Amino acid sequence: ARFDMEVDTLFALVLALLAWKTGQAGLWVLALGLPRYLFVMAGTIWPR
């Protein structure tokens, strides 16, 4: 389950970066690729 989730998260980030790099979407598309990484980073500040 964890392996699957981590691959999903990386997959979403790569797709968002690729959409931006190829001009298919603006920089705002990273809002679809970064949330879980930001959530994990927030967990290092707020352990709850």
All heavy atoms as atom14 arrays in JSON, in Angstrom:
{
  "sequence": "ARFDMEVDTLFALVLALLAWKTGQAGLWVLALGLPRYLFVMAGTIWPR",
  "atom14_mask": [
    [1, 1, 1, 1, 1, 0, 0, 0, 0, 0, 0, 0, 0, 0],
    [1, 1, 1, 1, 1, 1, 1, 1, 1, 1, 1, 0, 0, 0],
    [1, 1, 1, 1, 1, 1, 1, 1, 1, 1, 1, 0, 0, 0],
    [1, 1, 1, 1, 1, 1, 1, 1, 0, 0, 0, 0, 0, 0],
    [1, 1, 1, 1, 1, 1, 1, 1, 0, 0, 0, 0, 0, 0],
    [1, 1, 1, 1, 1, 1, 1, 1, 1, 0, 0, 0, 0, 0],
    [1, 1, 1, 1, 1, 1, 1, 0, 0, 0, 0, 0, 0, 0],
    [1, 1, 1, 1, 1, 1, 1, 1, 0, 0, 0, 0, 0, 0],
    [1, 1, 1, 1, 1, 1, 1, 0, 0, 0, 0, 0, 0, 0],
    [1, 1, 1, 1, 1, 1, 1, 1, 0, 0, 0, 0, 0, 0],
    [1, 1, 1, 1, 1, 1, 1, 1, 1, 1, 1, 0, 0, 0],
    [1, 1, 1, 1, 1, 0, 0, 0, 0, 0, 0, 0, 0, 0],
    [1, 1, 1, 1, 1, 1, 1, 1, 0, 0, 0, 0, 0, 0],
    [1, 1, 1, 1, 1, 1, 1, 0, 0, 0, 0, 0, 0, 0],
    [1, 1, 1, 1, 1, 1, 1, 1, 0, 0, 0, 0, 0, 0],
    [1, 1, 1, 1, 1, 0, 0, 0, 0, 0, 0, 0, 0, 0],
    [1, 1, 1, 1, 1, 1, 1, 1, 0, 0, 0, 0, 0, 0],
    [1, 1, 1, 1, 1, 1, 1, 1, 0, 0, 0, 0, 0, 0],
    [1, 1, 1, 1, 1, 0, 0, 0, 0, 0, 0, 0, 0, 0],
    [1, 1, 1, 1, 1, 1, 1, 1, 1, 1, 1, 1, 1, 1],
    [1, 1, 1, 1, 1, 1, 1, 1, 1, 0, 0, 0, 0, 0],
    [1, 1, 1, 1, 1, 1, 1, 0, 0, 0, 0, 0, 0, 0],
    [1, 1, 1, 1, 0, 0, 0, 0, 0, 0, 0, 0, 0, 0],
    [1, 1, 1, 1, 1, 1, 1, 1, 1, 0, 0, 0, 0, 0],
    [1, 1, 1, 1, 1, 0, 0, 0, 0, 0, 0, 0, 0, 0],
    [1, 1, 1, 1, 0, 0, 0, 0, 0, 0, 0, 0, 0, 0],
    [1, 1, 1, 1, 1, 1, 1, 1, 0, 0, 0, 0, 0, 0],
    [1, 1, 1, 1, 1, 1, 1, 1, 1, 1, 1, 1, 1, 1],
    [1, 1, 1, 1, 1, 1, 1, 0, 0, 0, 0, 0, 0, 0],
    [1, 1, 1, 1, 1, 1, 1, 1, 0, 0, 0, 0, 0, 0],
    [1, 1, 1, 1, 1, 0, 0, 0, 0, 0, 0, 0, 0, 0],
    [1, 1, 1, 1, 1, 1, 1, 1, 0, 0, 0, 0, 0, 0],
    [1, 1, 1, 1, 0, 0, 0, 0, 0, 0, 0, 0, 0, 0],
    [1, 1, 1, 1, 1, 1, 1, 1, 0, 0, 0, 0, 0, 0],
    [1, 1, 1, 1, 1, 1, 1, 0, 0, 0, 0, 0, 0, 0],
    [1, 1, 1, 1, 1, 1, 1, 1, 1, 1, 1, 0, 0, 0],
    [1, 1, 1, 1, 1, 1, 1, 1, 1, 1, 1, 1, 0, 0],
    [1, 1, 1, 1, 1, 1, 1, 1, 0, 0, 0, 0, 0, 0],
    [1, 1, 1, 1, 1, 1, 1, 1, 1, 1, 1, 0, 0, 0],
    [1, 1, 1, 1, 1, 1, 1, 0, 0, 0, 0, 0, 0, 0],
    [1, 1, 1, 1, 1, 1, 1, 1, 0, 0, 0, 0, 0, 0],
    [1, 1, 1, 1, 1, 0, 0, 0, 0, 0, 0, 0, 0, 0],
    [1, 1, 1, 1, 0, 0, 0, 0, 0, 0, 0, 0, 0, 0],
    [1, 1, 1, 1, 1, 1, 1, 0, 0, 0, 0, 0, 0, 0],
    [1, 1, 1, 1, 1, 1, 1, 1, 0, 0, 0, 0, 0, 0],
    [1, 1, 1, 1, 1, 1, 1, 1, 1, 1, 1, 1, 1, 1],
    [1, 1, 1, 1, 1, 1, 1, 0, 0, 0, 0, 0, 0, 0],
    [1, 1, 1, 1, 1, 1, 1, 1, 1, 1, 1, 0, 0, 0]
  ],
  "atom14_positions": [
    [[0.83, -1.21, 0.0], [0.0, 0.0, 0.0], [0.86, 1.25, 0.0], [0.58, 2.22, -0.72], [-0.93, -0.02, 1.21], [0.0, 0.0, 0.0], [0.0, 0.0, 0.0], [0.0, 0.0, 0.0], [0.0, 0.0, 0.0], [0.0, 0.0, 0.0], [0.0, 0.0, 0.0], [0.0, 0.0, 0.0], [0.0, 0.0, 0.0], [0.0, 0.0, 0.0]],
    [[1.94, 1.25, 0.79], [2.81, 2.41, 0.86], [3.6, 2.59, -0.44], [3.75, 3.71, -0.94], [3.77, 2.27, 2.05], [4.72, 3.46, 2.24], [3.92, 4.71, 2.58], [4.8, 5.86, 2.7], [5.38, 6.24, 3.86], [5.18, 5.51, 4.97], [6.14, 7.3, 3.9], [0.0, 0.0, 0.0], [0.0, 0.0, 0.0], [0.0, 0.0, 0.0]],
    [[4.09, 1.5, -0.99], [4.81, 1.56, -2.26], [3.91, 2.13, -3.35], [4.31, 3.01, -4.12], [5.29, 0.14, -2.61], [6.21, 0.06, -3.79], [6.95, 1.16, -4.22], [6.35, -1.15, -4.48], [7.82, 1.07, -5.31], [7.22, -1.25, -5.56], [7.94, -0.15, -5.98], [0.0, 0.0, 0.0], [0.0, 0.0, 0.0], [0.0, 0.0, 0.0]],
    [[2.68, 1.66, -3.4], [1.71, 2.15, -4.39], [1.45, 3.64, -4.21], [1.42, 4.4, -5.18], [0.41, 1.35, -4.25], [-0.64, 1.78, -5.26], [-0.47, 1.46, -6.46], [-1.6, 2.44, -4.86], [0.0, 0.0, 0.0], [0.0, 0.0, 0.0], [0.0, 0.0, 0.0], [0.0, 0.0, 0.0], [0.0, 0.0, 0.0], [0.0, 0.0, 0.0]],
    [[1.29, 4.08, -2.96], [1.0, 5.49, -2.69], [2.16, 6.38, -3.08], [1.98, 7.46, -3.66], [0.65, 5.68, -1.21], [0.36, 7.12, -0.82], [-0.11, 7.3, 0.91], [1.41, 6.77, 1.72], [0.0, 0.0, 0.0], [0.0, 0.0, 0.0], [0.0, 0.0, 0.0], [0.0, 0.0, 0.0], [0.0, 0.0, 0.0], [0.0, 0.0, 0.0]],
    [[3.39, 5.95, -2.77], [4.56, 6.77, -3.1], [4.75, 6.88, -4.61], [5.13, 7.95, -5.12], [5.81, 6.2, -2.44], [5.78, 6.22, -0.92], [5.64, 7.61, -0.33], [5.92, 8.6, -1.03], [5.24, 7.71, 0.85], [0.0, 0.0, 0.0], [0.0, 0.0, 0.0], [0.0, 0.0, 0.0], [0.0, 0.0, 0.0], [0.0, 0.0, 0.0]],
    [[4.49, 5.79, -5.33], [4.58, 5.85, -6.79], [3.5, 6.78, -7.34], [3.75, 7.58, -8.26], [4.47, 4.45, -7.4], [4.35, 4.52, -8.93], [5.68, 3.6, -7.03], [0.0, 0.0, 0.0], [0.0, 0.0, 0.0], [0.0, 0.0, 0.0], [0.0, 0.0, 0.0], [0.0, 0.0, 0.0], [0.0, 0.0, 0.0], [0.0, 0.0, 0.0]],
    [[2.29, 6.72, -6.78], [1.21, 7.62, -7.2], [1.62, 9.08, -7.0], [1.36, 9.93, -7.86], [-0.06, 7.34, -6.38], [-0.77, 6.08, -6.81], [-0.46, 5.57, -7.91], [-1.63, 5.59, -6.06], [0.0, 0.0, 0.0], [0.0, 0.0, 0.0], [0.0, 0.0, 0.0], [0.0, 0.0, 0.0], [0.0, 0.0, 0.0], [0.0, 0.0, 0.0]],
    [[2.22, 9.37, -5.86], [2.6, 10.74, -5.54], [3.66, 11.26, -6.51], [3.57, 12.39, -7.01], [3.13, 10.83, -4.09], [2.12, 10.34, -3.2], [3.47, 12.26, -3.72], [0.0, 0.0, 0.0], [0.0, 0.0, 0.0], [0.0, 0.0, 0.0], [0.0, 0.0, 0.0], [0.0, 0.0, 0.0], [0.0, 0.0, 0.0], [0.0, 0.0, 0.0]],
    [[4.66, 10.43, -6.76], [5.71, 10.83, -7.71], [5.14, 10.96, -9.12], [5.5, 11.88, -9.87], [6.83, 9.79, -7.69], [8.01, 10.04, -8.63], [8.72, 11.35, -8.28], [8.99, 8.88, -8.59], [0.0, 0.0, 0.0], [0.0, 0.0, 0.0], [0.0, 0.0, 0.0], [0.0, 0.0, 0.0], [0.0, 0.0, 0.0], [0.0, 0.0, 0.0]],
    [[4.25, 10.06, -9.48], [3.6, 10.1, -10.8], [2.86, 11.41, -11.0], [2.98, 12.06, -12.04], [2.64, 8.91, -10.89], [1.92, 8.76, -12.21], [2.61, 8.75, -13.4], [0.56, 8.57, -12.24], [1.96, 8.59, -14.62], [-0.12, 8.4, -13.44], [0.58, 8.42, -14.63], [0.0, 0.0, 0.0], [0.0, 0.0, 0.0], [0.0, 0.0, 0.0]],
    [[2.11, 11.85, -9.99], [1.36, 13.1, -10.09], [2.3, 14.29, -10.24], [2.05, 15.2, -11.04], [0.47, 13.27, -8.86], [0.0, 0.0, 0.0], [0.0, 0.0, 0.0], [0.0, 0.0, 0.0], [0.0, 0.0, 0.0], [0.0, 0.0, 0.0], [0.0, 0.0, 0.0], [0.0, 0.0, 0.0], [0.0, 0.0, 0.0], [0.0, 0.0, 0.0]],
    [[3.38, 14.3, -9.48], [4.33, 15.42, -9.57], [4.99, 15.47, -10.95], [5.11, 16.55, -11.55], [5.39, 15.29, -8.48], [6.49, 16.37, -8.49], [5.88, 17.76, -8.34], [7.51, 16.11, -7.4], [0.0, 0.0, 0.0], [0.0, 0.0, 0.0], [0.0, 0.0, 0.0], [0.0, 0.0, 0.0], [0.0, 0.0, 0.0], [0.0, 0.0, 0.0]],
    [[5.41, 14.32, -11.46], [6.05, 14.28, -12.78], [5.07, 14.74, -13.87], [5.43, 15.5, -14.77], [6.59, 12.87, -13.08], [7.0, 12.74, -14.55], [7.78, 12.55, -12.18], [0.0, 0.0, 0.0], [0.0, 0.0, 0.0], [0.0, 0.0, 0.0], [0.0, 0.0, 0.0], [0.0, 0.0, 0.0], [0.0, 0.0, 0.0], [0.0, 0.0, 0.0]],
    [[3.82, 14.29, -13.79], [2.82, 14.72, -14.77], [2.6, 16.22, -14.73], [2.49, 16.87, -15.78], [1.5, 13.98, -14.52], [1.44, 12.5, -14.88], [0.09, 11.92, -14.49], [1.71, 12.27, -16.35], [0.0, 0.0, 0.0], [0.0, 0.0, 0.0], [0.0, 0.0, 0.0], [0.0, 0.0, 0.0], [0.0, 0.0, 0.0], [0.0, 0.0, 0.0]],
    [[2.52, 16.78, -13.52], [2.32, 18.23, -13.38], [3.51, 18.99, -13.98], [3.32, 19.97, -14.72], [2.13, 18.58, -11.92], [0.0, 0.0, 0.0], [0.0, 0.0, 0.0], [0.0, 0.0, 0.0], [0.0, 0.0, 0.0], [0.0, 0.0, 0.0], [0.0, 0.0, 0.0], [0.0, 0.0, 0.0], [0.0, 0.0, 0.0], [0.0, 0.0, 0.0]],
    [[4.71, 18.57, -13.66], [5.9, 19.23, -14.21], [5.96, 19.09, -15.72], [6.35, 20.04, -16.43], [7.16, 18.63, -13.58], [7.41, 18.97, -12.1], [8.55, 18.13, -11.55], [7.71, 20.45, -11.93], [0.0, 0.0, 0.0], [0.0, 0.0, 0.0], [0.0, 0.0, 0.0], [0.0, 0.0, 0.0], [0.0, 0.0, 0.0], [0.0, 0.0, 0.0]],
    [[5.56, 17.93, -16.23], [5.59, 17.71, -17.67], [4.55, 18.57, -18.39], [4.82, 19.13, -19.46], [5.36, 16.23, -17.97], [5.56, 15.77, -19.42], [6.95, 16.13, -19.91], [5.34, 14.26, -19.52], [0.0, 0.0, 0.0], [0.0, 0.0, 0.0], [0.0, 0.0, 0.0], [0.0, 0.0, 0.0], [0.0, 0.0, 0.0], [0.0, 0.0, 0.0]],
    [[3.37, 18.69, -17.8], [2.33, 19.55, -18.39], [2.8, 21.0, -18.45], [2.54, 21.71, -19.42], [1.04, 19.43, -17.59], [0.0, 0.0, 0.0], [0.0, 0.0, 0.0], [0.0, 0.0, 0.0], [0.0, 0.0, 0.0], [0.0, 0.0, 0.0], [0.0, 0.0, 0.0], [0.0, 0.0, 0.0], [0.0, 0.0, 0.0], [0.0, 0.0, 0.0]],
    [[3.49, 21.44, -17.4], [4.02, 22.81, -17.38], [5.17, 22.96, -18.38], [5.22, 23.93, -19.14], [4.5, 23.14, -15.97], [5.23, 24.44, -15.86], [4.79, 25.67, -16.27], [6.54, 24.64, -15.31], [5.73, 26.63, -16.02], [6.82, 26.03, -15.43], [7.48, 23.8, -14.73], [8.02, 26.58, -14.97], [8.68, 24.35, -14.28], [8.94, 25.71, -14.41]],
    [[6.09, 21.99, -18.4], [7.26, 22.07, -19.26], [6.89, 22.09, -20.74], [7.52, 22.77, -21.56], [8.18, 20.89, -18.96], [9.61, 21.05, -19.46], [9.86, 20.33, -20.75], [11.34, 20.45, -21.15], [11.62, 19.89, -22.49], [0.0, 0.0, 0.0], [0.0, 0.0, 0.0], [0.0, 0.0, 0.0], [0.0, 0.0, 0.0], [0.0, 0.0, 0.0]],
    [[5.86, 21.34, -21.11], [5.46, 21.25, -22.51], [4.47, 22.33, -22.92], [4.0, 22.33, -24.06], [4.83, 19.87, -22.79], [3.72, 19.66, -21.9], [5.86, 18.76, -22.59], [0.0, 0.0, 0.0], [0.0, 0.0, 0.0], [0.0, 0.0, 0.0], [0.0, 0.0, 0.0], [0.0, 0.0, 0.0], [0.0, 0.0, 0.0], [0.0, 0.0, 0.0]],
    [[4.11, 23.21, -22.0], [3.21, 24.3, -22.32], [1.76, 23.92, -22.35], [0.91, 24.7, -22.82], [0.0, 0.0, 0.0], [0.0, 0.0, 0.0], [0.0, 0.0, 0.0], [0.0, 0.0, 0.0], [0.0, 0.0, 0.0], [0.0, 0.0, 0.0], [0.0, 0.0, 0.0], [0.0, 0.0, 0.0], [0.0, 0.0, 0.0], [0.0, 0.0, 0.0]],
    [[1.41, 22.74, -21.83], [0.02, 22.31, -21.81], [-0.75, 22.96, -20.66], [-1.98, 22.94, -20.65], [-0.05, 20.79, -21.67], [0.68, 20.03, -22.75], [0.19, 20.38, -24.15], [-1.0, 20.3, -24.43], [1.11, 20.79, -25.02], [0.0, 0.0, 0.0], [0.0, 0.0, 0.0], [0.0, 0.0, 0.0], [0.0, 0.0, 0.0], [0.0, 0.0, 0.0]],
    [[-0.04, 23.53, -19.71], [-0.67, 24.2, -18.57], [0.34, 25.18, -17.98], [1.55, 25.05, -18.2], [-1.11, 23.19, -17.51], [0.0, 0.0, 0.0], [0.0, 0.0, 0.0], [0.0, 0.0, 0.0], [0.0, 0.0, 0.0], [0.0, 0.0, 0.0], [0.0, 0.0, 0.0], [0.0, 0.0, 0.0], [0.0, 0.0, 0.0], [0.0, 0.0, 0.0]],
    [[-0.16, 26.15, -17.22], [0.72, 27.11, -16.57], [1.33, 26.55, -15.3], [1.07, 25.4, -14.91], [0.0, 0.0, 0.0], [0.0, 0.0, 0.0], [0.0, 0.0, 0.0], [0.0, 0.0, 0.0], [0.0, 0.0, 0.0], [0.0, 0.0, 0.0], [0.0, 0.0, 0.0], [0.0, 0.0, 0.0], [0.0, 0.0, 0.0], [0.0, 0.0, 0.0]],
    [[2.11, 27.39, -14.63], [2.79, 26.96, -13.41], [1.79, 26.54, -12.33], [2.12, 25.74, -11.45], [3.69, 28.09, -12.89], [4.61, 27.76, -11.73], [5.58, 26.64, -12.1], [5.38, 29.01, -11.29], [0.0, 0.0, 0.0], [0.0, 0.0, 0.0], [0.0, 0.0, 0.0], [0.0, 0.0, 0.0], [0.0, 0.0, 0.0], [0.0, 0.0, 0.0]],
    [[0.56, 27.02, -12.43], [-0.47, 26.7, -11.44], [-0.76, 25.2, -11.38], [-1.31, 24.7, -10.4], [-1.77, 27.43, -11.77], [-2.19, 27.31, -13.21], [-1.98, 28.2, -14.21], [-2.89, 26.21, -13.81], [-2.48, 27.73, -15.41], [-3.05, 26.51, -15.19], [-3.39, 25.01, -13.34], [-3.7, 25.66, -16.08], [-4.03, 24.15, -14.23], [-4.18, 24.48, -15.57]],
    [[-0.38, 24.47, -12.43], [-0.67, 23.04, -12.45], [0.06, 22.3, -11.34], [-0.32, 21.19, -10.96], [-0.31, 22.44, -13.84], [1.21, 22.28, -13.99], [-1.0, 21.11, -14.05], [0.0, 0.0, 0.0], [0.0, 0.0, 0.0], [0.0, 0.0, 0.0], [0.0, 0.0, 0.0], [0.0, 0.0, 0.0], [0.0, 0.0, 0.0], [0.0, 0.0, 0.0]],
    [[1.1, 22.9, -10.78], [1.82, 22.26, -9.68], [0.92, 22.1, -8.45], [1.24, 21.31, -7.56], [3.07, 23.05, -9.31], [4.16, 23.11, -10.39], [5.37, 23.87, -9.88], [4.56, 21.71, -10.84], [0.0, 0.0, 0.0], [0.0, 0.0, 0.0], [0.0, 0.0, 0.0], [0.0, 0.0, 0.0], [0.0, 0.0, 0.0], [0.0, 0.0, 0.0]],
    [[-0.19, 22.83, -8.42], [-1.15, 22.65, -7.33], [-1.75, 21.25, -7.35], [-2.27, 20.78, -6.34], [-2.27, 23.68, -7.44], [0.0, 0.0, 0.0], [0.0, 0.0, 0.0], [0.0, 0.0, 0.0], [0.0, 0.0, 0.0], [0.0, 0.0, 0.0], [0.0, 0.0, 0.0], [0.0, 0.0, 0.0], [0.0, 0.0, 0.0], [0.0, 0.0, 0.0]],
    [[-1.65, 20.56, -8.49], [-2.14, 19.18, -8.59], [-1.03, 18.16, -8.35], [-1.31, 16.97, -8.23], [-2.75, 18.94, -9.97], [-4.06, 19.66, -10.28], [-4.51, 19.35, -11.7], [-5.13, 19.29, -9.29], [0.0, 0.0, 0.0], [0.0, 0.0, 0.0], [0.0, 0.0, 0.0], [0.0, 0.0, 0.0], [0.0, 0.0, 0.0], [0.0, 0.0, 0.0]],
    [[0.22, 18.62, -8.31], [1.32, 17.68, -8.16], [2.04, 17.72, -6.84], [2.73, 16.75, -6.47], [0.0, 0.0, 0.0], [0.0, 0.0, 0.0], [0.0, 0.0, 0.0], [0.0, 0.0, 0.0], [0.0, 0.0, 0.0], [0.0, 0.0, 0.0], [0.0, 0.0, 0.0], [0.0, 0.0, 0.0], [0.0, 0.0, 0.0], [0.0, 0.0, 0.0]],
    [[1.88, 18.81, -6.1], [2.67, 18.99, -4.88], [1.94, 18.76, -3.55], [2.61, 18.68, -2.52], [3.25, 20.41, -4.86], [4.45, 20.66, -5.77], [4.8, 22.14, -5.76], [5.64, 19.82, -5.35], [0.0, 0.0, 0.0], [0.0, 0.0, 0.0], [0.0, 0.0, 0.0], [0.0, 0.0, 0.0], [0.0, 0.0, 0.0], [0.0, 0.0, 0.0]],
    [[0.59, 18.69, -3.51], [-0.09, 18.7, -2.21], [0.4, 17.67, -1.21], [0.6, 18.0, -0.04], [-1.56, 18.45, -2.59], [-1.69, 19.04, -3.93], [-0.38, 18.73, -4.62], [0.0, 0.0, 0.0], [0.0, 0.0, 0.0], [0.0, 0.0, 0.0], [0.0, 0.0, 0.0], [0.0, 0.0, 0.0], [0.0, 0.0, 0.0], [0.0, 0.0, 0.0]],
    [[0.6, 16.43, -1.61], [1.0, 15.43, -0.61], [2.4, 15.71, -0.07], [2.66, 15.52, 1.12], [0.93, 14.01, -1.17], [1.28, 13.0, -0.07], [1.03, 11.56, -0.43], [1.45, 10.73, 0.68], [2.69, 10.27, 0.84], [3.61, 10.57, -0.05], [3.0, 9.53, 1.88], [0.0, 0.0, 0.0], [0.0, 0.0, 0.0], [0.0, 0.0, 0.0]],
    [[3.3, 16.15, -0.94], [4.64, 16.48, -0.46], [4.58, 17.65, 0.53], [5.29, 17.67, 1.54], [5.56, 16.82, -1.64], [5.94, 15.61, -2.46], [5.49, 15.46, -3.77], [6.74, 14.6, -1.93], [5.84, 14.35, -4.52], [7.09, 13.49, -2.67], [6.63, 13.37, -3.97], [6.98, 12.26, -4.71], [0.0, 0.0, 0.0], [0.0, 0.0, 0.0]],
    [[3.73, 18.63, 0.25], [3.57, 19.75, 1.17], [2.94, 19.28, 2.48], [3.3, 19.76, 3.57], [2.7, 20.84, 0.52], [3.29, 21.5, -0.72], [2.3, 22.5, -1.31], [4.6, 22.21, -0.38], [0.0, 0.0, 0.0], [0.0, 0.0, 0.0], [0.0, 0.0, 0.0], [0.0, 0.0, 0.0], [0.0, 0.0, 0.0], [0.0, 0.0, 0.0]],
    [[2.02, 18.33, 2.38], [1.37, 17.78, 3.57], [2.39, 17.05, 4.45], [2.39, 17.18, 5.67], [0.25, 16.83, 3.15], [-0.57, 16.28, 4.27], [-1.53, 17.07, 4.9], [-0.4, 14.99, 4.71], [-2.29, 16.58, 5.93], [-1.15, 14.48, 5.74], [-2.1, 15.28, 6.36], [0.0, 0.0, 0.0], [0.0, 0.0, 0.0], [0.0, 0.0, 0.0]],
    [[3.28, 16.29, 3.81], [4.32, 15.58, 4.56], [5.28, 16.56, 5.21], [5.68, 16.39, 6.37], [5.08, 14.61, 3.63], [6.3, 14.02, 4.34], [4.16, 13.49, 3.16], [0.0, 0.0, 0.0], [0.0, 0.0, 0.0], [0.0, 0.0, 0.0], [0.0, 0.0, 0.0], [0.0, 0.0, 0.0], [0.0, 0.0, 0.0], [0.0, 0.0, 0.0]],
    [[5.64, 17.62, 4.5], [6.52, 18.64, 5.07], [5.85, 19.33, 6.25], [6.5, 19.62, 7.27], [6.89, 19.66, 4.0], [7.81, 19.12, 2.92], [8.11, 20.32, 1.59], [8.87, 21.66, 2.52], [0.0, 0.0, 0.0], [0.0, 0.0, 0.0], [0.0, 0.0, 0.0], [0.0, 0.0, 0.0], [0.0, 0.0, 0.0], [0.0, 0.0, 0.0]],
    [[4.55, 19.58, 6.12], [3.82, 20.21, 7.23], [3.83, 19.31, 8.45], [3.86, 19.79, 9.6], [2.38, 20.52, 6.81], [0.0, 0.0, 0.0], [0.0, 0.0, 0.0], [0.0, 0.0, 0.0], [0.0, 0.0, 0.0], [0.0, 0.0, 0.0], [0.0, 0.0, 0.0], [0.0, 0.0, 0.0], [0.0, 0.0, 0.0], [0.0, 0.0, 0.0]],
    [[3.83, 17.99, 8.23], [3.86, 17.05, 9.34], [5.14, 17.12, 10.15], [5.15, 16.75, 11.33], [0.0, 0.0, 0.0], [0.0, 0.0, 0.0], [0.0, 0.0, 0.0], [0.0, 0.0, 0.0], [0.0, 0.0, 0.0], [0.0, 0.0, 0.0], [0.0, 0.0, 0.0], [0.0, 0.0, 0.0], [0.0, 0.0, 0.0], [0.0, 0.0, 0.0]],
    [[6.23, 17.57, 9.51], [7.48, 17.72, 10.26], [7.42, 18.92, 11.19], [8.19, 19.0, 12.15], [8.66, 17.87, 9.29], [8.5, 19.09, 8.53], [8.74, 16.69, 8.34], [0.0, 0.0, 0.0], [0.0, 0.0, 0.0], [0.0, 0.0, 0.0], [0.0, 0.0, 0.0], [0.0, 0.0, 0.0], [0.0, 0.0, 0.0], [0.0, 0.0, 0.0]],
    [[6.53, 19.85, 10.91], [6.37, 21.04, 11.76], [5.26, 20.82, 12.79], [5.4, 21.18, 13.96], [6.05, 22.27, 10.89], [7.16, 22.49, 9.86], [5.86, 23.52, 11.76], [6.85, 23.59, 8.86], [0.0, 0.0, 0.0], [0.0, 0.0, 0.0], [0.0, 0.0, 0.0], [0.0, 0.0, 0.0], [0.0, 0.0, 0.0], [0.0, 0.0, 0.0]],
    [[4.15, 20.22, 12.34], [3.03, 19.91, 13.23], [2.85, 18.4, 13.3], [2.18, 17.8, 12.44], [1.75, 20.56, 12.73], [1.82, 22.06, 12.72], [1.84, 22.89, 13.78], [1.89, 22.9, 11.55], [1.92, 24.2, 13.37], [1.96, 24.23, 12.0], [1.91, 22.64, 10.17], [2.04, 25.31, 11.12], [2.01, 23.71, 9.3], [2.06, 25.02, 9.78]],
    [[3.45, 17.76, 14.27], [3.42, 16.28, 14.35], [2.02, 15.69, 14.38], [1.84, 14.51, 14.02], [4.16, 15.99, 15.67], [5.05, 17.18, 15.86], [4.28, 18.35, 15.33], [0.0, 0.0, 0.0], [0.0, 0.0, 0.0], [0.0, 0.0, 0.0], [0.0, 0.0, 0.0], [0.0, 0.0, 0.0], [0.0, 0.0, 0.0], [0.0, 0.0, 0.0]],
    [[1.02, 16.46, 14.75], [-0.34, 15.92, 14.79], [-0.84, 15.56, 13.39], [-1.8, 14.8, 13.25], [-1.3, 16.93, 15.43], [-1.03, 17.19, 16.91], [-2.08, 18.07, 17.52], [-3.39, 17.43, 17.56], [-4.49, 18.03, 18.0], [-4.45, 19.28, 18.42], [-5.63, 17.38, 18.01], [0.0, 0.0, 0.0], [0.0, 0.0, 0.0], [0.0, 0.0, 0.0]]
  ]
}
